[in-house]
Amino acid sequence: MLQAAELELGYGRLSAKAWNMPVLLALHYKHEHFQDIRQALQQVTPSMLSARLGNLHELGAVDKQLIAQPRPSFLYHLQQPAKRPIHQLAANLDSIV
């Protein structure tokens, strides 16, 4: 399951680094703000989440959009090529729980 998603994503072994796949899954489930993602993942530290979002953005898996109003913040979204494999991974995980 995980290997198939990583292969289709084409970014290498994302699961080799802690929190990469949970962050992508949180984005799949429409947690778009930093604090929403952090709350969804509960155990992730702010510095770890920031590092993972930055890394995934650099790879091209995650889009980072600046929202200026009412106060500056970022919205995070899955990039189009990442949506299908992460959706499939989420569906596969849902089927086993």
PDB file of N, CA and C in Angstrom:
ATOM      1  N   MET A   1       0.813  -1.190   0.000  1.00  0.00           N
ATOM      2  CA  MET A   1       0.000   0.000   0.000  1.00  0.00           C
ATOM      3  C   MET A   1       0.865   1.265   0.000  1.00  0.00           C
ATOM      4  N   LEU A   2       1.690   1.374   1.019  1.00  0.00           N
ATOM      5  CA  LEU A   2       2.538   2.543   1.170  1.00  0.00           C
ATOM      6  C   LEU A   2       3.560   2.632   0.041  1.00  0.00           C
ATOM      7  N   GLN A   3       4.154   1.508  -0.295  1.00  0.00           N
ATOM      8  CA  GLN A   3       5.149   1.495  -1.371  1.00  0.00           C
ATOM      9  C   GLN A   3       4.525   1.864  -2.706  1.00  0.00           C
ATOM     10  N   ALA A   4       3.303   1.405  -2.943  1.00  0.00           N
ATOM     11  CA  ALA A   4       2.621   1.741  -4.194  1.00  0.00           C
ATOM     12  C   ALA A   4       2.364   3.247  -4.277  1.00  0.00           C
ATOM     13  N   ALA A   5       1.942   3.846  -3.168  1.00  0.00           N
ATOM     14  CA  ALA A   5       1.706   5.294  -3.145  1.00  0.00           C
ATOM     15  C   ALA A   5       3.010   6.050  -3.377  1.00  0.00           C
ATOM     16  N   GLU A   6       4.081   5.604  -2.725  1.00  0.00           N
ATOM     17  CA  GLU A   6       5.376   6.269  -2.901  1.00  0.00           C
ATOM     18  C   GLU A   6       5.877   6.144  -4.333  1.00  0.00           C
ATOM     19  N   LEU A   7       5.691   4.992  -4.922  1.00  0.00           N
ATOM     20  CA  LEU A   7       6.117   4.774  -6.304  1.00  0.00           C
ATOM     21  C   LEU A   7       5.356   5.693  -7.252  1.00  0.00           C
ATOM     22  N   GLU A   8       4.040   5.778  -7.070  1.00  0.00           N
ATOM     23  CA  GLU A   8       3.231   6.635  -7.938  1.00  0.00           C
ATOM     24  C   GLU A   8       3.542   8.120  -7.716  1.00  0.00           C
ATOM     25  N   LEU A   9       3.817   8.495  -6.480  1.00  0.00           N
ATOM     26  CA  LEU A   9       4.173   9.886  -6.197  1.00  0.00           C
ATOM     27  C   LEU A   9       5.479  10.275  -6.876  1.00  0.00           C
ATOM     28  N   GLY A  10       6.442   9.359  -6.870  1.00  0.00           N
ATOM     29  CA  GLY A  10       7.712   9.607  -7.536  1.00  0.00           C
ATOM     30  C   GLY A  10       8.676  10.514  -6.790  1.00  0.00           C
ATOM     31  N   TYR A  11       8.524  10.637  -5.481  1.00  0.00           N
ATOM     32  CA  TYR A  11       9.410  11.477  -4.675  1.00  0.00           C
ATOM     33  C   TYR A  11      10.361  10.657  -3.813  1.00  0.00           C
ATOM     34  N   GLY A  12      10.509   9.390  -4.102  1.00  0.00           N
ATOM     35  CA  GLY A  12      11.362   8.530  -3.287  1.00  0.00           C
ATOM     36  C   GLY A  12      10.606   7.973  -2.089  1.00  0.00           C
ATOM     37  N   ARG A  13      11.360   7.497  -1.117  1.00  0.00           N
ATOM     38  CA  ARG A  13      10.768   6.876   0.075  1.00  0.00           C
ATOM     39  C   ARG A  13      10.370   7.937   1.089  1.00  0.00           C
ATOM     40  N   LEU A  14       9.223   8.533   0.893  1.00  0.00           N
ATOM     41  CA  LEU A  14       8.741   9.556   1.815  1.00  0.00           C
ATOM     42  C   LEU A  14       8.528   9.000   3.214  1.00  0.00           C
ATOM     43  N   SER A  15       8.159   7.738   3.300  1.00  0.00           N
ATOM     44  CA  SER A  15       7.892   7.130   4.604  1.00  0.00           C
ATOM     45  C   SER A  15       9.163   6.919   5.414  1.00  0.00           C
ATOM     46  N   ALA A  16      10.324   7.102   4.806  1.00  0.00           N
ATOM     47  CA  ALA A  16      11.584   6.945   5.536  1.00  0.00           C
ATOM     48  C   ALA A  16      11.777   8.066   6.555  1.00  0.00           C
ATOM     49  N   LYS A  17      11.110   9.182   6.365  1.00  0.00           N
ATOM     50  CA  LYS A  17      11.182  10.288   7.321  1.00  0.00           C
ATOM     51  C   LYS A  17       9.863  10.364   8.081  1.00  0.00           C
ATOM     52  N   ALA A  18       9.985  10.442   9.396  1.00  0.00           N
ATOM     53  CA  ALA A  18       8.794  10.511  10.245  1.00  0.00           C
ATOM     54  C   ALA A  18       7.905  11.682   9.843  1.00  0.00           C
ATOM     55  N   TRP A  19       6.625  11.444   9.865  1.00  0.00           N
ATOM     56  CA  TRP A  19       5.566  12.431   9.670  1.00  0.00           C
ATOM     57  C   TRP A  19       5.271  12.812   8.223  1.00  0.00           C
ATOM     58  N   ASN A  20       6.060  12.402   7.239  1.00  0.00           N
ATOM     59  CA  ASN A  20       5.746  12.765   5.855  1.00  0.00           C
ATOM     60  C   ASN A  20       4.377  12.242   5.431  1.00  0.00           C
ATOM     61  N   MET A  21       4.164  10.958   5.584  1.00  0.00           N
ATOM     62  CA  MET A  21       2.898  10.382   5.117  1.00  0.00           C
ATOM     63  C   MET A  21       1.715  10.858   5.963  1.00  0.00           C
ATOM     64  N   PRO A  22       1.837  10.940   7.296  1.00  0.00           N
ATOM     65  CA  PRO A  22       0.716  11.504   8.058  1.00  0.00           C
ATOM     66  C   PRO A  22       0.370  12.937   7.651  1.00  0.00           C
ATOM     67  N   VAL A  23       1.375  13.748   7.328  1.00  0.00           N
ATOM     68  CA  VAL A  23       1.105  15.118   6.879  1.00  0.00           C
ATOM     69  C   VAL A  23       0.347  15.096   5.556  1.00  0.00           C
ATOM     70  N   LEU A  24       0.775  14.266   4.625  1.00  0.00           N
ATOM     71  CA  LEU A  24       0.072  14.167   3.337  1.00  0.00           C
ATOM     72  C   LEU A  24      -1.362  13.683   3.531  1.00  0.00           C
ATOM     73  N   LEU A  25      -1.556  12.733   4.429  1.00  0.00           N
ATOM     74  CA  LEU A  25      -2.913  12.249   4.701  1.00  0.00           C
ATOM     75  C   LEU A  25      -3.760  13.334   5.365  1.00  0.00           C
ATOM     76  N   ALA A  26      -3.183  14.111   6.268  1.00  0.00           N
ATOM     77  CA  ALA A  26      -3.920  15.214   6.892  1.00  0.00           C
ATOM     78  C   ALA A  26      -4.364  16.219   5.830  1.00  0.00           C
ATOM     79  N   LEU A  27      -3.493  16.507   4.877  1.00  0.00           N
ATOM     80  CA  LEU A  27      -3.860  17.415   3.789  1.00  0.00           C
ATOM     81  C   LEU A  27      -4.958  16.809   2.920  1.00  0.00           C
ATOM     82  N   HIS A  28      -4.895  15.516   2.707  1.00  0.00           N
ATOM     83  CA  HIS A  28      -5.950  14.831   1.949  1.00  0.00           C
ATOM     84  C   HIS A  28      -7.308  15.029   2.625  1.00  0.00           C
ATOM     85  N   TYR A  29      -7.313  14.989   3.956  1.00  0.00           N
ATOM     86  CA  TYR A  29      -8.555  15.150   4.713  1.00  0.00           C
ATOM     87  C   TYR A  29      -8.891  16.619   4.983  1.00  0.00           C
ATOM     88  N   LYS A  30      -8.300  17.519   4.201  1.00  0.00           N
ATOM     89  CA  LYS A  30      -8.629  18.951   4.157  1.00  0.00           C
ATOM     90  C   LYS A  30      -8.235  19.732   5.406  1.00  0.00           C
ATOM     91  N   HIS A  31      -7.233  19.274   6.121  1.00  0.00           N
ATOM     92  CA  HIS A  31      -6.634  20.087   7.181  1.00  0.00           C
ATOM     93  C   HIS A  31      -5.623  20.981   6.467  1.00  0.00           C
ATOM     94  N   GLU A  32      -5.956  22.256   6.299  1.00  0.00           N
ATOM     95  CA  GLU A  32      -5.185  23.134   5.417  1.00  0.00           C
ATOM     96  C   GLU A  32      -4.312  24.150   6.143  1.00  0.00           C
ATOM     97  N   HIS A  33      -4.673  24.518   7.349  1.00  0.00           N
ATOM     98  CA  HIS A  33      -3.892  25.473   8.127  1.00  0.00           C
ATOM     99  C   HIS A  33      -2.912  24.721   9.023  1.00  0.00           C
ATOM    100  N   PHE A  34      -1.787  25.361   9.312  1.00  0.00           N
ATOM    101  CA  PHE A  34      -0.750  24.745  10.136  1.00  0.00           C
ATOM    102  C   PHE A  34      -1.331  24.194  11.440  1.00  0.00           C
ATOM    103  N   GLN A  35      -2.104  25.011  12.147  1.00  0.00           N
ATOM    104  CA  GLN A  35      -2.651  24.571  13.437  1.00  0.00           C
ATOM    105  C   GLN A  35      -3.659  23.434  13.271  1.00  0.00           C
ATOM    106  N   ASP A  36      -4.412  23.430  12.179  1.00  0.00           N
ATOM    107  CA  ASP A  36      -5.354  22.333  11.919  1.00  0.00           C
ATOM    108  C   ASP A  36      -4.605  21.026  11.699  1.00  0.00           C
ATOM    109  N   ILE A  37      -3.517  21.099  10.939  1.00  0.00           N
ATOM    110  CA  ILE A  37      -2.704  19.904  10.683  1.00  0.00           C
ATOM    111  C   ILE A  37      -2.093  19.425  11.988  1.00  0.00           C
ATOM    112  N   ARG A  38      -1.556  20.354  12.753  1.00  0.00           N
ATOM    113  CA  ARG A  38      -0.934  20.007  14.033  1.00  0.00           C
ATOM    114  C   ARG A  38      -1.944  19.362  14.976  1.00  0.00           C
ATOM    115  N   GLN A  39      -3.140  19.906  15.035  1.00  0.00           N
ATOM    116  CA  GLN A  39      -4.180  19.348  15.898  1.00  0.00           C
ATOM    117  C   GLN A  39      -4.601  17.961  15.418  1.00  0.00           C
ATOM    118  N   ALA A  40      -4.692  17.774  14.117  1.00  0.00           N
ATOM    119  CA  ALA A  40      -5.080  16.468  13.570  1.00  0.00           C
ATOM    120  C   ALA A  40      -4.032  15.408  13.887  1.00  0.00           C
ATOM    121  N   LEU A  41      -2.766  15.790  13.877  1.00  0.00           N
ATOM    122  CA  LEU A  41      -1.686  14.826  14.104  1.00  0.00           C
ATOM    123  C   LEU A  41      -1.291  14.712  15.574  1.00  0.00           C
ATOM    124  N   GLN A  42      -1.704  15.624  16.399  1.00  0.00           N
ATOM    125  CA  GLN A  42      -1.545  15.650  17.849  1.00  0.00           C
ATOM    126  C   GLN A  42      -0.121  15.502  18.370  1.00  0.00           C
ATOM    127  N   GLN A  43       0.607  14.488  17.999  1.00  0.00           N
ATOM    128  CA  GLN A  43       1.924  14.237  18.579  1.00  0.00           C
ATOM    129  C   GLN A  43       3.060  14.983  17.882  1.00  0.00           C
ATOM    130  N   VAL A  44       2.810  15.558  16.734  1.00  0.00           N
ATOM    131  CA  VAL A  44       3.879  16.225  15.981  1.00  0.00           C
ATOM    132  C   VAL A  44       4.217  17.574  16.631  1.00  0.00           C
ATOM    133  N   THR A  45       5.510  17.856  16.726  1.00  0.00           N
ATOM    134  CA  THR A  45       5.930  19.147  17.276  1.00  0.00           C
ATOM    135  C   THR A  45       5.827  20.220  16.190  1.00  0.00           C
ATOM    136  N   PRO A  46       5.679  21.475  16.586  1.00  0.00           N
ATOM    137  CA  PRO A  46       5.613  22.541  15.581  1.00  0.00           C
ATOM    138  C   PRO A  46       6.845  22.582  14.682  1.00  0.00           C
ATOM    139  N   SER A  47       8.030  22.379  15.249  1.00  0.00           N
ATOM    140  CA  SER A  47       9.239  22.432  14.415  1.00  0.00           C
ATOM    141  C   SER A  47       9.297  21.267  13.434  1.00  0.00           C
ATOM    142  N   MET A  48       8.874  20.084  13.862  1.00  0.00           N
ATOM    143  CA  MET A  48       8.851  18.925  12.963  1.00  0.00           C
ATOM    144  C   MET A  48       7.829  19.141  11.850  1.00  0.00           C
ATOM    145  N   LEU A  49       6.647  19.636  12.203  1.00  0.00           N
ATOM    146  CA  LEU A  49       5.618  19.877  11.194  1.00  0.00           C
ATOM    147  C   LEU A  49       6.090  20.922  10.191  1.00  0.00           C
ATOM    148  N   SER A  50       6.697  21.972  10.677  1.00  0.00           N
ATOM    149  CA  SER A  50       7.219  23.008   9.789  1.00  0.00           C
ATOM    150  C   SER A  50       8.271  22.436   8.839  1.00  0.00           C
ATOM    151  N   ALA A  51       9.157  21.605   9.376  1.00  0.00           N
ATOM    152  CA  ALA A  51      10.200  20.987   8.543  1.00  0.00           C
ATOM    153  C   ALA A  51       9.594  20.077   7.484  1.00  0.00           C
ATOM    154  N   ARG A  52       8.612  19.257   7.867  1.00  0.00           N
ATOM    155  CA  ARG A  52       8.002  18.333   6.909  1.00  0.00           C
ATOM    156  C   ARG A  52       7.221  19.082   5.841  1.00  0.00           C
ATOM    157  N   LEU A  53       6.461  20.092   6.230  1.00  0.00           N
ATOM    158  CA  LEU A  53       5.724  20.878   5.235  1.00  0.00           C
ATOM    159  C   LEU A  53       6.688  21.569   4.276  1.00  0.00           C
ATOM    160  N   GLY A  54       7.777  22.096   4.797  1.00  0.00           N
ATOM    161  CA  GLY A  54       8.780  22.733   3.944  1.00  0.00           C
ATOM    162  C   GLY A  54       9.407  21.758   2.974  1.00  0.00           C
ATOM    163  N   ASN A  55       9.759  20.575   3.470  1.00  0.00           N
ATOM    164  CA  ASN A  55      10.366  19.547   2.622  1.00  0.00           C
ATOM    165  C   ASN A  55       9.398  19.076   1.545  1.00  0.00           C
ATOM    166  N   LEU A  56       8.157  18.825   1.922  1.00  0.00           N
ATOM    167  CA  LEU A  56       7.153  18.368   0.953  1.00  0.00           C
ATOM    168  C   LEU A  56       6.846  19.460  -0.075  1.00  0.00           C
ATOM    169  N   HIS A  57       6.912  20.709   0.348  1.00  0.00           N
ATOM    170  CA  HIS A  57       6.726  21.828  -0.584  1.00  0.00           C
ATOM    171  C   HIS A  57       7.892  21.884  -1.578  1.00  0.00           C
ATOM    172  N   GLU A  58       9.114  21.732  -1.082  1.00  0.00           N
ATOM    173  CA  GLU A  58      10.292  21.745  -1.956  1.00  0.00           C
ATOM    174  C   GLU A  58      10.257  20.604  -2.967  1.00  0.00           C
ATOM    175  N   LEU A  59       9.746  19.449  -2.553  1.00  0.00           N
ATOM    176  CA  LEU A  59       9.644  18.304  -3.463  1.00  0.00           C
ATOM    177  C   LEU A  59       8.581  18.511  -4.535  1.00  0.00           C
ATOM    178  N   GLY A  60       7.609  19.378  -4.254  1.00  0.00           N
ATOM    179  CA  GLY A  60       6.519  19.602  -5.194  1.00  0.00           C
ATOM    180  C   GLY A  60       5.267  18.817  -4.870  1.00  0.00           C
ATOM    181  N   ALA A  61       5.226  18.187  -3.704  1.00  0.00           N
ATOM    182  CA  ALA A  61       4.049  17.410  -3.310  1.00  0.00           C
ATOM    183  C   ALA A  61       2.982  18.287  -2.672  1.00  0.00           C
ATOM    184  N   VAL A  62       3.404  19.411  -2.097  1.00  0.00           N
ATOM    185  CA  VAL A  62       2.501  20.284  -1.346  1.00  0.00           C
ATOM    186  C   VAL A  62       2.618  21.711  -1.869  1.00  0.00           C
ATOM    187  N   ASP A  63       1.477  22.354  -2.019  1.00  0.00           N
ATOM    188  CA  ASP A  63       1.415  23.758  -2.404  1.00  0.00           C
ATOM    189  C   ASP A  63       1.260  24.590  -1.133  1.00  0.00           C
ATOM    190  N   LYS A  64       1.984  25.685  -1.059  1.00  0.00           N
ATOM    191  CA  LYS A  64       1.951  26.589   0.092  1.00  0.00           C
ATOM    192  C   LYS A  64       1.477  27.941  -0.409  1.00  0.00           C
ATOM    193  N   GLN A  65       0.329  28.384   0.081  1.00  0.00           N
ATOM    194  CA  GLN A  65      -0.290  29.611  -0.417  1.00  0.00           C
ATOM    195  C   GLN A  65      -0.401  30.633   0.713  1.00  0.00           C
ATOM    196  N   LEU A  66       0.112  31.835   0.491  1.00  0.00           N
ATOM    197  CA  LEU A  66       0.032  32.908   1.481  1.00  0.00           C
ATOM    198  C   LEU A  66      -1.351  33.545   1.436  1.00  0.00           C
ATOM    199  N   ILE A  67      -1.974  33.627   2.595  1.00  0.00           N
ATOM    200  CA  ILE A  67      -3.258  34.311   2.750  1.00  0.00           C
ATOM    201  C   ILE A  67      -2.989  35.543   3.616  1.00  0.00           C
ATOM    202  N   ALA A  68      -3.270  36.720   3.094  1.00  0.00           N
ATOM    203  CA  ALA A  68      -2.915  37.956   3.793  1.00  0.00           C
ATOM    204  C   ALA A  68      -3.972  38.420   4.794  1.00  0.00           C
ATOM    205  N   GLN A  69      -5.218  38.080   4.586  1.00  0.00           N
ATOM    206  CA  GLN A  69      -6.301  38.591   5.424  1.00  0.00           C
ATOM    207  C   GLN A  69      -6.963  37.469   6.207  1.00  0.00           C
ATOM    208  N   PRO A  70      -7.408  37.627   7.406  1.00  0.00           N
ATOM    209  CA  PRO A  70      -7.321  38.844   8.210  1.00  0.00           C
ATOM    210  C   PRO A  70      -5.924  39.065   8.796  1.00  0.00           C
ATOM    211  N   ARG A  71      -5.141  38.014   8.931  1.00  0.00           N
ATOM    212  CA  ARG A  71      -3.732  38.159   9.305  1.00  0.00           C
ATOM    213  C   ARG A  71      -2.938  37.179   8.456  1.00  0.00           C
ATOM    214  N   PRO A  72      -1.706  37.495   8.143  1.00  0.00           N
ATOM    215  CA  PRO A  72      -0.921  36.620   7.263  1.00  0.00           C
ATOM    216  C   PRO A  72      -0.801  35.194   7.809  1.00  0.00           C
ATOM    217  N   SER A  73      -1.076  34.246   6.951  1.00  0.00           N
ATOM    218  CA  SER A  73      -0.927  32.829   7.290  1.00  0.00           C
ATOM    219  C   SER A  73      -0.794  32.052   5.982  1.00  0.00           C
ATOM    220  N   PHE A  74      -0.503  30.781   6.113  1.00  0.00           N
ATOM    221  CA  PHE A  74      -0.360  29.933   4.935  1.00  0.00           C
ATOM    222  C   PHE A  74      -1.447  28.877   4.910  1.00  0.00           C
ATOM    223  N   LEU A  75      -1.872  28.544   3.707  1.00  0.00           N
ATOM    224  CA  LEU A  75      -2.731  27.391   3.469  1.00  0.00           C
ATOM    225  C   LEU A  75      -1.893  26.363   2.736  1.00  0.00           C
ATOM    226  N   TYR A  76      -2.068  25.108   3.092  1.00  0.00           N
ATOM    227  CA  TYR A  76      -1.328  24.015   2.463  1.00  0.00           C
ATOM    228  C   TYR A  76      -2.318  23.103   1.760  1.00  0.00           C
ATOM    229  N   HIS A  77      -1.947  22.664   0.557  1.00  0.00           N
ATOM    230  CA  HIS A  77      -2.779  21.764  -0.240  1.00  0.00           C
ATOM    231  C   HIS A  77      -1.885  20.735  -0.911  1.00  0.00           C
ATOM    232  N   LEU A  78      -2.463  19.579  -1.195  1.00  0.00           N
ATOM    233  CA  LEU A  78      -1.746  18.606  -2.014  1.00  0.00           C
ATOM    234  C   LEU A  78      -1.652  19.141  -3.433  1.00  0.00           C
ATOM    235  N   GLN A  79      -0.495  19.014  -4.046  1.00  0.00           N
ATOM    236  CA  GLN A  79      -0.357  19.336  -5.462  1.00  0.00           C
ATOM    237  C   GLN A  79      -1.122  18.282  -6.261  1.00  0.00           C
ATOM    238  N   GLN A  80      -1.573  18.635  -7.433  1.00  0.00           N
ATOM    239  CA  GLN A  80      -2.386  17.738  -8.260  1.00  0.00           C
ATOM    240  C   GLN A  80      -1.776  16.341  -8.432  1.00  0.00           C
ATOM    241  N   PRO A  81      -0.479  16.208  -8.754  1.00  0.00           N
ATOM    242  CA  PRO A  81       0.075  14.859  -8.940  1.00  0.00           C
ATOM    243  C   PRO A  81       0.046  14.000  -7.672  1.00  0.00           C
ATOM    244  N   ALA A  82      -0.034  14.623  -6.508  1.00  0.00           N
ATOM    245  CA  ALA A  82      -0.044  13.868  -5.250  1.00  0.00           C
ATOM    246  C   ALA A  82      -1.447  13.437  -4.834  1.00  0.00           C
ATOM    247  N   LYS A  83      -2.473  14.050  -5.395  1.00  0.00           N
ATOM    248  CA  LYS A  83      -3.842  13.788  -4.932  1.00  0.00           C
ATOM    249  C   LYS A  83      -4.279  12.343  -5.139  1.00  0.00           C
ATOM    250  N   ARG A  84      -4.075  11.804  -6.322  1.00  0.00           N
ATOM    251  CA  ARG A  84      -4.549  10.448  -6.612  1.00  0.00           C
ATOM    252  C   ARG A  84      -3.867   9.395  -5.741  1.00  0.00           C
ATOM    253  N   PRO A  85      -2.527   9.361  -5.665  1.00  0.00           N
ATOM    254  CA  PRO A  85      -1.901   8.328  -4.834  1.00  0.00           C
ATOM    255  C   PRO A  85      -2.237   8.462  -3.348  1.00  0.00           C
ATOM    256  N   ILE A  86      -2.363   9.676  -2.849  1.00  0.00           N
ATOM    257  CA  ILE A  86      -2.698   9.853  -1.434  1.00  0.00           C
ATOM    258  C   ILE A  86      -4.160   9.489  -1.189  1.00  0.00           C
ATOM    259  N   HIS A  87      -5.035   9.807  -2.137  1.00  0.00           N
ATOM    260  CA  HIS A  87      -6.436   9.388  -2.023  1.00  0.00           C
ATOM    261  C   HIS A  87      -6.526   7.861  -1.977  1.00  0.00           C
ATOM    262  N   GLN A  88      -5.789   7.193  -2.843  1.00  0.00           N
ATOM    263  CA  GLN A  88      -5.803   5.727  -2.868  1.00  0.00           C
ATOM    264  C   GLN A  88      -5.237   5.157  -1.572  1.00  0.00           C
ATOM    265  N   LEU A  89      -4.174   5.744  -1.068  1.00  0.00           N
ATOM    266  CA  LEU A  89      -3.595   5.295   0.200  1.00  0.00           C
ATOM    267  C   LEU A  89      -4.607   5.456   1.330  1.00  0.00           C
ATOM    268  N   ALA A  90      -5.286   6.596   1.379  1.00  0.00           N
ATOM    269  CA  ALA A  90      -6.296   6.831   2.416  1.00  0.00           C
ATOM    270  C   ALA A  90      -7.423   5.809   2.321  1.00  0.00           C
ATOM    271  N   ALA A  91      -7.871   5.514   1.110  1.00  0.00           N
ATOM    272  CA  ALA A  91      -8.937   4.522   0.920  1.00  0.00           C
ATOM    273  C   ALA A  91      -8.474   3.143   1.375  1.00  0.00           C
ATOM    274  N   ASN A  92      -7.243   2.786   1.049  1.00  0.00           N
ATOM    275  CA  ASN A  92      -6.711   1.489   1.470  1.00  0.00           C
ATOM    276  C   ASN A  92      -6.588   1.407   2.984  1.00  0.00           C
ATOM    277  N   LEU A  93      -6.140   2.474   3.611  1.00  0.00           N
ATOM    278  CA  LEU A  93      -6.025   2.482   5.071  1.00  0.00           C
ATOM    279  C   LEU A  93      -7.397   2.408   5.725  1.00  0.00           C
ATOM    280  N   ASP A  94      -8.379   3.127   5.164  1.00  0.00           N
ATOM    281  CA  ASP A  94      -9.743   3.066   5.699  1.00  0.00           C
ATOM    282  C   ASP A  94     -10.311   1.657   5.629  1.00  0.00           C
ATOM    283  N   SER A  95      -9.940   0.917   4.597  1.00  0.00           N
ATOM    284  CA  SER A  95     -10.503  -0.425   4.418  1.00  0.00           C
ATOM    285  C   SER A  95      -9.964  -1.436   5.423  1.00  0.00           C
ATOM    286  N   ILE A  96      -8.829  -1.127   6.063  1.00  0.00           N
ATOM    287  CA  ILE A  96      -8.281  -2.098   7.013  1.00  0.00           C
ATOM    288  C   ILE A  96      -8.590  -1.755   8.468  1.00  0.00           C
ATOM    289  N   VAL A  97      -9.195  -0.596   8.715  1.00  0.00           N
ATOM    290  CA  VAL A  97      -9.542  -0.257  10.105  1.00  0.00           C
ATOM    291  C   VAL A  97     -10.993  -0.490  10.391  1.00  0.00           C
TER     292      VAL A  97
END
